[in-house]
Amino acid sequence: MSSEAVRITEYLQLDPKLETWNCVRCGHVIGSARENYKRGLLLHDRDPRTIYPARFDGEHSFAPDPGWCRIVEYYCPGCGVQMETEYLPPGHPLAHDIEVDVDALRSGAESNREGRAG
């Protein structure tokens, strides 16, 4: 991981020089910065009733229906920190929520490096 890494979220950073997603906490390389970072994470497809138990007996219990909603938790394979959580319908593909212009970020990092050297 280079010193030019840019923090994107609390536990996710992008290294423009190496073009990788990395864990802020442990430095684990998650994957290519040109791909969805979630592909490199461990995930737990969680039944929402484990978090939101039924408040009442019967059909109208105020608990999420697992046939309509799943809680998907994403974890760093290096240190196990929880990096993201999504509420998705069952079978829905991983959401691609962050897309960065890696070339522009890399160009900016190179310009900053040249400015410091000059």
Protein backbone atom coordinates (compact mmCIF):
# COMPACT_ATOMS: atom_id res chain seq x y z
CA MET A 1 0.00 0.00 0.00
CA SER A 2 1.43 3.37 -0.99
CA SER A 3 1.36 6.57 1.02
CA GLU A 4 -1.07 8.09 -1.51
CA ALA A 5 -4.01 5.93 -0.44
CA VAL A 6 -7.30 7.84 -0.31
CA ARG A 7 -9.83 7.02 2.38
CA ILE A 8 -13.25 6.37 0.84
CA THR A 9 -15.24 5.11 3.84
CA GLU A 10 -14.47 4.41 7.49
CA TYR A 11 -12.70 1.11 6.66
CA LEU A 12 -12.16 1.31 2.88
CA GLN A 13 -9.38 3.10 1.04
CA LEU A 14 -8.19 3.23 -2.55
CA ASP A 15 -4.54 3.18 -3.51
CA PRO A 16 -4.31 5.05 -6.86
CA LYS A 17 -0.69 4.02 -7.46
CA LEU A 18 -1.39 0.29 -7.11
CA GLU A 19 -5.04 0.61 -8.23
CA THR A 20 -6.29 -1.47 -5.33
CA TRP A 21 -8.98 -1.35 -2.68
CA ASN A 22 -7.50 -1.85 0.81
CA CYS A 23 -8.77 -2.22 4.35
CA VAL A 24 -7.92 0.87 6.42
CA ARG A 25 -7.62 -1.19 9.59
CA CYS A 26 -5.26 -3.99 8.48
CA GLY A 27 -4.07 -2.99 4.98
CA HIS A 28 -5.45 -6.17 3.36
CA VAL A 29 -5.69 -5.84 -0.44
CA ILE A 30 -9.36 -6.39 -1.22
CA GLY A 31 -9.13 -6.25 -5.00
CA SER A 32 -8.76 -4.11 -8.09
CA ALA A 33 -9.96 -0.52 -7.73
CA ARG A 34 -11.53 -0.92 -11.17
CA GLU A 35 -13.93 -3.56 -9.83
CA ASN A 36 -16.66 -3.60 -7.19
CA TYR A 37 -14.78 -3.79 -3.87
CA LYS A 38 -17.50 -6.02 -2.40
CA ARG A 39 -16.34 -8.91 -4.59
CA GLY A 40 -13.21 -9.18 -2.45
CA LEU A 41 -15.01 -9.18 0.90
CA LEU A 42 -16.51 -11.97 2.96
CA LEU A 43 -20.27 -11.74 3.20
CA HIS A 44 -22.96 -12.94 5.55
CA ASP A 45 -26.49 -13.15 4.13
CA ARG A 46 -28.47 -12.57 7.30
CA ASP A 47 -32.11 -13.30 8.09
CA PRO A 48 -33.57 -9.93 9.16
CA ARG A 49 -35.56 -11.61 11.95
CA THR A 50 -32.28 -12.18 13.83
CA ILE A 51 -31.98 -8.41 14.24
CA TYR A 52 -35.64 -7.37 14.21
CA PRO A 53 -37.64 -10.02 16.09
CA ALA A 54 -41.43 -10.15 15.86
CA ARG A 55 -43.15 -7.72 18.23
CA PHE A 56 -46.51 -9.49 18.07
CA ASP A 57 -47.73 -12.97 17.23
CA GLY A 58 -49.48 -13.49 13.92
CA GLU A 59 -49.17 -12.29 10.36
CA HIS A 60 -48.64 -8.60 11.20
CA SER A 61 -45.66 -8.83 13.55
CA PHE A 62 -43.67 -5.73 12.52
CA ALA A 63 -40.75 -8.03 11.66
CA PRO A 64 -39.19 -7.94 8.17
CA ASP A 65 -40.25 -10.80 5.92
CA PRO A 66 -37.11 -12.77 4.89
CA GLY A 67 -38.87 -13.58 1.61
CA TRP A 68 -38.69 -9.88 0.75
CA CYS A 69 -35.61 -8.59 2.56
CA ARG A 70 -32.14 -9.86 3.43
CA ILE A 71 -29.44 -8.10 5.39
CA VAL A 72 -26.09 -8.57 3.67
CA GLU A 73 -23.04 -7.85 5.83
CA TYR A 74 -19.58 -7.46 4.29
CA TYR A 75 -16.37 -8.20 6.22
CA CYS A 76 -12.64 -7.74 5.54
CA PRO A 77 -11.02 -11.17 4.95
CA GLY A 78 -7.83 -9.92 6.64
CA CYS A 79 -9.08 -8.67 10.00
CA GLY A 80 -12.83 -9.33 10.07
CA VAL A 81 -13.94 -5.71 10.47
CA GLN A 82 -17.47 -5.12 9.17
CA MET A 83 -17.07 -2.80 6.18
CA GLU A 84 -20.61 -2.46 4.84
CA THR A 85 -24.22 -3.53 5.34
CA GLU A 86 -27.00 -3.62 2.75
CA TYR A 87 -30.70 -4.42 2.82
CA LEU A 88 -31.48 -6.25 -0.42
CA PRO A 89 -34.24 -8.44 -1.84
CA PRO A 90 -33.28 -12.16 -1.86
CA GLY A 91 -31.24 -13.06 -4.94
CA HIS A 92 -30.37 -9.44 -5.76
CA PRO A 93 -26.79 -9.01 -7.06
CA LEU A 94 -24.23 -7.14 -4.98
CA ALA A 95 -24.92 -3.41 -5.18
CA HIS A 96 -22.18 -1.46 -6.94
CA ASP A 97 -22.41 1.68 -4.82
CA ILE A 98 -18.93 3.19 -5.20
CA GLU A 99 -17.24 3.81 -8.53
CA VAL A 100 -14.17 6.02 -8.58
CA ASP A 101 -12.38 7.55 -11.58
CA VAL A 102 -9.12 5.74 -10.86
CA ASP A 103 -7.27 7.42 -13.75
CA ALA A 104 -8.14 10.92 -12.51
CA LEU A 105 -7.23 10.00 -8.95
CA ARG A 106 -3.93 8.52 -10.11
CA SER A 107 -3.18 11.59 -12.24
CA GLY A 108 -3.90 13.86 -9.26
CA ALA A 109 -1.62 11.80 -7.03
CA GLU A 110 1.17 11.99 -9.62
CA SER A 111 0.72 15.78 -9.92
CA ASN A 112 0.92 16.13 -6.14
CA ARG A 113 4.08 14.03 -6.08
CA GLU A 114 5.69 16.16 -8.81
CA GLY A 115 4.69 19.37 -6.99
CA ARG A 116 6.38 18.18 -3.81
CA ALA A 117 9.50 17.13 -5.71
CA GLY A 118 9.78 20.40 -7.65
